[in-house]
Protein backbone atom coordinates (compact mmCIF):
# COMPACT_ATOMS: atom_id res chain seq x y z
CA MET A 1 109.45 106.39 139.02
CA ALA A 2 106.96 105.43 136.30
CA VAL A 3 104.72 108.15 134.87
CA LEU A 4 100.93 107.59 135.18
CA LYS A 5 101.27 104.05 136.48
CA VAL A 6 98.08 101.92 136.35
CA LYS A 7 97.41 98.39 137.66
CA PHE A 8 95.73 95.93 135.29
CA THR A 9 94.11 92.59 136.03
CA LYS A 10 93.78 89.93 133.36
CA THR A 11 90.16 90.98 132.72
CA ARG A 12 91.07 94.65 132.38
CA ARG A 13 93.91 93.83 130.01
CA GLY A 14 91.52 91.80 127.86
CA LYS A 15 88.92 94.58 127.79
CA LEU A 16 91.60 97.15 126.95
CA ALA A 17 92.83 95.00 124.07
CA GLN A 18 89.28 94.57 122.73
CA VAL A 19 88.49 98.29 122.95
CA LEU A 20 91.76 99.23 121.26
CA TRP A 21 91.11 96.69 118.50
CA ILE A 22 87.79 98.41 117.75
CA LEU A 23 89.30 101.90 118.02
CA ASN A 24 92.09 101.00 115.61
CA TRP A 25 89.54 99.92 113.02
CA ILE A 26 87.69 103.18 113.60
CA SER A 27 91.03 104.92 113.06
CA VAL A 28 91.28 103.22 109.67
CA VAL A 29 88.01 104.96 108.78
CA THR A 30 89.30 108.30 110.09
CA GLY A 31 92.37 107.78 107.92
CA LEU A 32 90.08 107.40 104.92
CA ILE A 33 88.32 110.60 105.99
CA ILE A 34 91.63 112.50 106.07
CA PHE A 35 92.50 111.07 102.65
CA GLY A 36 89.09 112.11 101.30
CA LEU A 37 89.41 115.64 102.70
CA GLY A 38 92.86 116.04 101.16
CA LEU A 39 91.62 114.75 97.81
CA PHE A 40 88.58 117.07 97.91
CA LEU A 41 90.77 120.08 98.72
CA LYS A 42 93.16 119.20 95.91
CA ILE A 43 90.27 118.98 93.44
CA GLU A 44 88.87 122.34 94.58
CA ILE A 45 92.27 123.98 94.12
CA LYS A 46 92.67 122.27 90.76
CA LYS A 47 89.30 123.63 89.63
CA ARG A 48 90.59 127.18 90.24
CA SER A 49 94.14 126.50 89.04
CA GLU A 50 93.74 128.86 86.05
CA LEU A 51 92.97 131.66 88.53
CA MET A 52 95.98 130.96 90.78
CA ILE A 53 99.71 131.23 90.39
CA SER A 54 100.80 127.84 91.73
CA GLY A 55 103.11 127.95 94.73
CA ASP A 56 103.05 125.96 97.94
CA ILE A 57 99.26 125.75 98.00
CA HIS A 58 99.32 122.06 96.99
CA SER A 59 101.47 121.12 100.00
CA VAL A 60 98.46 120.98 102.34
CA PRO A 61 96.27 118.60 100.28
CA ASN A 62 99.31 116.45 99.46
CA MET A 63 100.13 116.28 103.18
CA LEU A 64 96.58 115.24 104.06
CA ILE A 65 96.48 112.58 101.33
CA ALA A 66 99.79 111.09 102.50
CA VAL A 67 98.76 111.18 106.17
CA GLY A 68 95.44 109.52 105.36
CA ILE A 69 97.12 106.63 103.54
CA ILE A 70 99.69 106.12 106.32
CA ALA A 71 96.90 106.25 108.93
CA CYS A 72 95.08 103.37 107.26
CA ILE A 73 98.25 101.23 107.15
CA ILE A 74 99.38 101.97 110.73
CA ASN A 75 95.98 101.47 112.30
CA PHE A 76 95.43 98.25 110.36
CA PHE A 77 98.57 96.79 111.95
CA GLY A 78 97.59 98.33 115.28
CA GLY A 79 94.29 96.47 115.18
CA LYS A 80 96.10 93.20 114.48
CA ILE A 81 98.48 93.77 117.41
CA CYS A 82 95.65 94.60 119.83
CA TYR A 83 93.69 91.54 118.72
CA ASP A 84 96.70 89.26 119.31
CA SER A 85 97.23 90.88 122.72
CA LEU A 86 94.22 88.94 124.00
CA ASP A 87 96.59 85.94 124.15
CA VAL A 88 99.93 86.30 125.96
CA ASN A 89 101.61 83.76 123.69
CA LYS A 90 100.54 85.62 120.53
CA PHE A 91 101.63 88.94 122.02
CA SER A 92 105.14 87.59 122.64
CA ARG A 93 105.64 87.51 118.86
CA TRP A 94 105.02 91.26 118.74
CA LYS A 95 107.15 92.13 121.76
CA LEU A 96 110.22 93.34 119.85
CA PHE A 97 108.07 95.12 117.31
CA MET A 98 105.93 97.05 119.80
CA LEU A 99 108.32 99.83 120.84
CA PRO A 100 109.34 100.78 117.26
CA TYR A 101 105.66 100.66 116.30
CA ILE A 102 104.70 103.05 119.13
CA ILE A 103 107.56 105.43 118.28
CA CYS A 104 106.55 105.50 114.60
CA THR A 105 102.90 106.01 115.55
CA PHE A 106 103.89 108.89 117.83
CA PHE A 107 105.66 110.67 114.99
CA PHE A 108 102.72 109.90 112.71
CA THR A 109 100.29 111.57 115.14
CA PHE A 110 102.62 114.58 115.09
CA CYS A 111 102.24 114.66 111.28
CA VAL A 112 98.45 114.62 111.68
CA PHE A 113 98.73 117.59 114.04
CA ALA A 114 101.06 119.37 111.58
CA GLY A 115 98.52 118.79 108.80
CA ALA A 116 95.79 120.39 110.91
CA ILE A 117 97.98 123.42 111.67
CA MET A 118 98.90 123.80 108.00
CA CYS A 119 95.21 124.15 107.18
CA TYR A 120 95.13 127.32 109.29
CA THR A 121 98.42 128.78 108.05
CA MET A 122 98.07 128.59 104.26
CA ARG A 123 95.92 131.74 103.99
CA ASN A 124 98.84 134.02 103.01
CA GLU A 125 100.06 131.67 100.26
CA LEU A 126 96.52 131.26 98.99
CA GLU A 127 95.85 135.00 98.96
CA SER A 128 99.08 135.70 97.09
CA ALA A 129 98.34 132.97 94.53
CA LEU A 130 94.81 134.30 93.96
CA TYR A 131 95.93 137.91 93.65
CA ARG A 132 98.51 137.19 90.94
CA GLY A 133 96.38 134.58 89.20
CA LEU A 134 93.26 136.75 88.98
CA LYS A 135 95.32 139.73 87.84
CA ASP A 136 96.64 137.76 84.86
CA ALA A 137 93.24 136.17 84.13
CA LEU A 138 91.53 139.56 83.87
CA LYS A 139 94.31 140.83 81.60
CA TYR A 140 93.67 137.94 79.17
CA TYR A 141 89.86 138.19 79.39
CA LYS A 142 89.63 139.64 75.86
CA ASP A 143 91.84 136.99 74.21
CA THR A 144 89.04 134.67 73.17
CA ASP A 145 90.76 133.83 69.86
CA ILE A 146 94.19 132.94 71.29
CA PRO A 147 94.84 129.25 72.06
CA GLY A 148 95.40 128.65 75.75
CA ARG A 149 93.50 131.77 76.77
CA CYS A 150 90.21 131.38 74.93
CA PHE A 151 88.55 129.77 77.98
CA LEU A 152 89.40 132.57 80.43
CA LYS A 153 86.44 134.77 79.47
CA SER A 154 83.89 132.10 80.29
CA THR A 155 85.84 131.16 83.44
CA ILE A 156 85.85 134.74 84.73
CA ASP A 157 82.18 135.29 83.83
CA LEU A 158 81.08 132.09 85.59
CA LEU A 159 83.24 132.98 88.59
CA GLN A 160 81.71 136.44 88.94
CA ILE A 161 78.19 135.07 88.60
CA GLU A 162 78.70 132.15 90.99
CA TYR A 163 80.53 134.06 93.72
CA GLN A 164 78.71 137.36 93.16
CA CYS A 165 81.90 139.32 92.75
CA CYS A 166 83.51 141.68 90.26
CA GLY A 167 87.17 142.14 89.36
CA ASN A 168 90.16 141.21 91.47
CA ASN A 169 89.91 143.71 94.32
CA GLY A 170 86.70 145.31 93.04
CA PHE A 171 84.87 146.55 89.93
CA ARG A 172 87.41 149.35 89.35
CA ASP A 173 89.98 146.76 88.26
CA TRP A 174 88.14 146.55 84.93
CA PHE A 175 88.80 150.29 84.38
CA GLU A 176 92.56 149.63 84.24
CA ILE A 177 92.62 146.93 81.56
CA GLN A 178 91.35 146.55 78.02
CA TRP A 179 88.81 143.80 78.37
CA ILE A 180 87.14 144.24 74.94
CA SER A 181 88.93 142.56 72.04
CA ILE A 182 90.01 144.82 69.17
CA ARG A 183 88.17 142.56 66.72
CA TYR A 184 84.88 143.84 68.15
CA LEU A 185 85.83 147.53 67.93
CA ASP A 186 85.09 149.72 64.92
CA MET A 187 88.49 151.26 64.26
CA SER A 188 86.92 153.64 61.73
CA SER A 189 85.04 155.37 64.54
CA LYS A 190 86.69 158.58 65.69
CA GLU A 191 85.45 158.07 69.27
CA ILE A 192 87.20 154.73 69.52
CA THR A 193 90.47 155.88 67.93
CA ASP A 194 90.52 158.94 70.20
CA ARG A 195 90.13 156.70 73.22
CA PHE A 196 93.10 154.61 72.05
CA LYS A 197 95.20 157.75 71.58
CA SER A 198 94.20 159.23 74.93
CA ASN A 199 95.82 156.34 76.79
CA VAL A 200 99.60 156.25 77.24
CA ASP A 201 99.76 152.48 76.70
CA GLY A 202 97.53 152.64 73.64
CA LYS A 203 94.72 150.62 75.21
CA TYR A 204 90.98 150.92 74.89
CA LEU A 205 90.03 151.74 78.47
CA LEU A 206 86.60 152.73 79.71
CA ASP A 207 84.70 152.90 82.97
CA GLY A 208 82.71 149.78 82.25
CA VAL A 209 82.51 146.16 83.39
CA PRO A 210 81.45 142.84 81.78
CA PHE A 211 77.82 141.74 82.05
CA SER A 212 78.72 139.11 84.67
CA CYS A 213 79.34 141.89 87.19
CA CYS A 214 75.66 142.90 87.09
CA ASN A 215 73.58 142.27 90.18
CA PRO A 216 70.24 140.64 89.20
CA ASN A 217 68.70 142.04 92.38
CA SER A 218 68.98 145.57 91.02
CA PRO A 219 65.54 147.19 90.49
CA ARG A 220 66.78 148.97 87.36
CA PRO A 221 68.46 147.65 84.20
CA CYS A 222 72.12 147.04 84.80
CA ILE A 223 74.43 149.94 84.01
CA GLN A 224 77.67 148.46 82.65
CA PHE A 225 79.23 151.49 80.98
CA GLN A 226 79.99 154.97 82.27
CA ILE A 227 79.45 153.61 85.75
CA THR A 228 81.04 156.61 87.49
CA ASN A 229 79.34 159.20 85.24
CA ASN A 230 76.14 160.22 87.03
CA SER A 231 75.08 162.61 84.27
CA ALA A 232 75.09 159.84 81.67
CA HIS A 233 72.10 158.13 83.29
CA TYR A 234 68.78 159.37 84.55
CA ASN A 235 68.20 159.37 88.30
CA TYR A 236 71.54 157.71 88.97
CA ASP A 237 74.24 158.07 91.61
CA TYR A 238 76.92 155.40 91.44
CA LEU A 239 77.89 155.97 95.09
CA THR A 240 74.44 154.92 96.29
CA GLU A 241 73.56 152.35 93.63
CA GLU A 242 74.92 149.37 95.59
CA LEU A 243 72.64 146.90 93.82
CA ASN A 244 73.70 147.83 90.30
CA ILE A 245 76.87 145.67 90.17
CA TRP A 246 78.71 143.44 92.61
CA LEU A 247 81.03 145.49 94.79
CA ARG A 248 83.02 142.66 96.34
CA GLY A 249 86.23 141.56 94.61
CA CYS A 250 86.59 137.95 93.46
CA ARG A 251 89.83 137.51 95.39
CA GLN A 252 88.02 138.23 98.63
CA ALA A 253 85.12 135.97 97.64
CA LEU A 254 87.38 133.03 96.79
CA LEU A 255 89.52 133.63 99.85
CA GLU A 256 86.45 133.51 102.09
CA TYR A 257 85.33 130.27 100.44
CA PHE A 258 88.71 128.58 100.87
CA ASP A 259 89.05 129.99 104.40
CA ASN A 260 85.80 128.37 105.47
CA LEU A 261 86.81 125.15 103.73
CA MET A 262 90.27 125.07 105.33
CA GLN A 263 88.91 125.83 108.80
CA SER A 264 86.39 123.00 108.53
CA ILE A 265 89.06 120.57 107.32
CA GLY A 266 91.53 121.76 109.95
CA LEU A 267 89.01 121.28 112.76
CA THR A 268 88.14 117.79 111.52
CA VAL A 269 91.80 116.76 111.29
CA LEU A 270 92.48 118.23 114.75
CA LEU A 271 89.69 116.12 116.27
CA ILE A 272 91.06 113.05 114.50
CA TRP A 273 94.50 113.87 115.94
CA LEU A 274 93.08 113.90 119.48
CA PHE A 275 91.40 110.57 118.78
CA GLU A 276 94.63 109.06 117.41
CA LEU A 277 96.52 110.34 120.46
CA SER A 278 94.07 108.64 122.81
CA VAL A 279 94.42 105.36 120.88
CA LEU A 280 98.21 105.62 121.03
CA THR A 281 98.03 106.18 124.80
CA GLY A 282 95.92 103.04 125.19
CA VAL A 283 98.32 100.99 123.06
CA ARG A 284 101.24 102.15 125.21
CA TYR A 285 99.45 101.02 128.40
CA LEU A 286 98.65 97.68 126.76
CA GLN A 287 102.25 97.18 125.66
CA THR A 288 103.80 97.84 129.10
CA ALA A 289 101.16 95.80 130.92
CA MET A 290 101.62 92.79 128.62
CA GLU A 291 105.42 92.98 128.78
CA ASN A 292 105.26 92.93 132.58
CA VAL A 293 103.05 89.84 132.39
CA LEU A 294 105.69 88.13 130.24
CA MET A 295 108.34 89.03 132.81
CA LEU A 296 106.24 87.59 135.64
CA GLY A 297 105.53 84.44 133.63
CA ASP A 298 101.96 84.13 134.93
CA PRO A 299 99.19 85.10 132.46
CA GLU A 300 96.67 85.29 135.32
CA SER A 301 98.67 87.75 137.43
CA GLU A 302 98.17 91.47 137.80
CA SER A 303 100.57 93.81 136.05
CA HIS A 304 101.32 97.50 135.85
CA GLY A 305 101.22 99.69 132.79
CA TRP A 306 102.62 103.20 132.31
CA LEU A 307 103.36 105.83 129.74
CA LEU A 308 107.03 106.25 130.70
CA GLN A 309 109.05 103.83 132.76
CA ASN A 310 110.96 106.71 134.36
CA SER A 311 110.17 110.37 134.91
CA CYS A 312 110.36 112.76 131.99
CA MET A 313 113.66 114.21 133.23
CA GLU A 314 115.25 110.80 133.73
CA THR A 315 114.05 109.63 130.32
CA ALA A 316 115.52 112.74 128.67
CA LYS A 317 118.88 112.25 130.45
CA HIS A 318 118.96 108.58 129.47
CA ASN A 319 118.31 109.38 125.80
CA ILE A 320 120.94 112.14 125.81
CA GLN A 321 123.47 109.72 127.27
CA ILE A 322 122.67 107.18 124.54
CA ILE A 323 123.25 109.84 121.88
CA LYS A 324 126.58 110.82 123.49
CA ASN A 325 127.72 107.20 123.56
CA LEU A 326 126.81 106.82 119.91
CA GLY A 327 128.85 109.93 119.13
CA LYS A 328 131.88 108.47 120.91
CA ALA A 329 131.49 105.16 119.12
CA ASN A 330 131.50 106.94 115.76
CA GLN A 331 134.95 108.32 116.52
CA ILE A 332 136.42 104.81 116.28
CA SER A 333 137.88 104.20 112.85
CA THR A 334 136.40 101.10 111.29
CA LEU A 335 138.77 101.26 108.35
CA THR A 336 142.13 101.13 110.15
CA GLY A 337 141.00 99.56 113.37
CA ILE A 338 142.77 102.36 115.29
CA SER A 339 140.66 104.18 117.81
CA ASP A 340 140.92 107.75 118.93
CA PRO A 341 143.26 107.82 121.98
CA ASN A 342 141.16 110.53 123.57
CA VAL A 343 138.07 108.32 123.62
CA ASP A 344 137.65 105.89 126.45
CA ILE A 345 136.35 102.57 125.21
CA PRO A 346 134.19 100.87 127.85
CA ARG A 347 135.67 97.62 129.19
CA ALA A 348 133.78 94.64 130.48
CA ASP A 349 133.47 94.62 134.23
CA TYR A 350 134.75 91.16 135.23
CA GLY A 351 135.43 92.01 138.81
CA PRO A 352 137.43 94.32 141.01
CA ASP A 353 140.66 93.67 139.09
CA ASN A 354 139.02 93.61 135.62
CA VAL A 355 140.49 90.15 135.02
CA PRO A 356 138.48 87.76 132.84
CA PRO A 357 137.31 84.75 134.90
CA ASN A 358 138.80 82.24 132.47
CA SER A 359 142.23 83.84 132.24
CA ILE A 360 145.21 81.96 133.74
CA PRO A 361 147.37 84.11 136.02
CA THR A 362 151.07 84.11 135.18
CA ASP A 363 153.97 84.30 137.58
CA SER A 364 155.78 87.56 137.61
């Protein structure tokens, strides 16, 4: 029994073909939107590439770009098919092509859905890439005279100012690294040499942060050094001075930005997937209705359209049987011409005695 069977008159078939022609051209635009979203996401990730350890984070934008291009191509041909379906004679040229086209489009819509899901599942990879990338970037903050690293200071400073953040996890990350280059330290000063000697790794560590961590909303001048030493500053308590420096880490700030971006892109792609699925459903109805018209031979007659010619269970059994038959056929050796004796090769059914009609009986 056909699944979701619908009767179509000639007028309804024509209107369905016209609507699907328009929807396919709209789908070309949605394909461009998916392509644009993937390209935008790739650019945004590329802009922060020096702050990330590259992993699988480029798989999502690459997937969206590929899906967008394929969407434009598939829906362009879909629009041509629907336009030709207004004429039964023109549709007959597409008859053999229709089923493979629908199957390919079905798998394509699955790829669109997969792209939407990937937008919601890349958070862990993104967080890991940001954590390791920011950790290395802060470590090389002082290397302004080393080729390949000289840009990291300005990158980190602009990042902390733009996203109102400080450090990787927080401002205390700056306490664990030497972020002041040795070329700007007076090595003849006993205070500085003692600080080098007091550290096991021989680094110049201090409880201070770069100027870009300062919060301009603070009512007092920014305190960058001896942040945790209350006695070093008048009327100061670092536990209550929330406006002195940014308390949020840059990893969290960037993760929130990309999270919002990915959720917006994922929702957009998911809506486009629902739209593509509805167009595919309409094309399937148009295909079955037009094929039934060709079988009847009367362009003016009514015809039925459906999603599946048989029930879901019957369709699954039929496909499984086809696969089994293909597996048996593969057991036949094409090189020697000798077949597997355990495999029954189907014989043509010529009648009750399986005798070809043109064969001449011989006397026993």
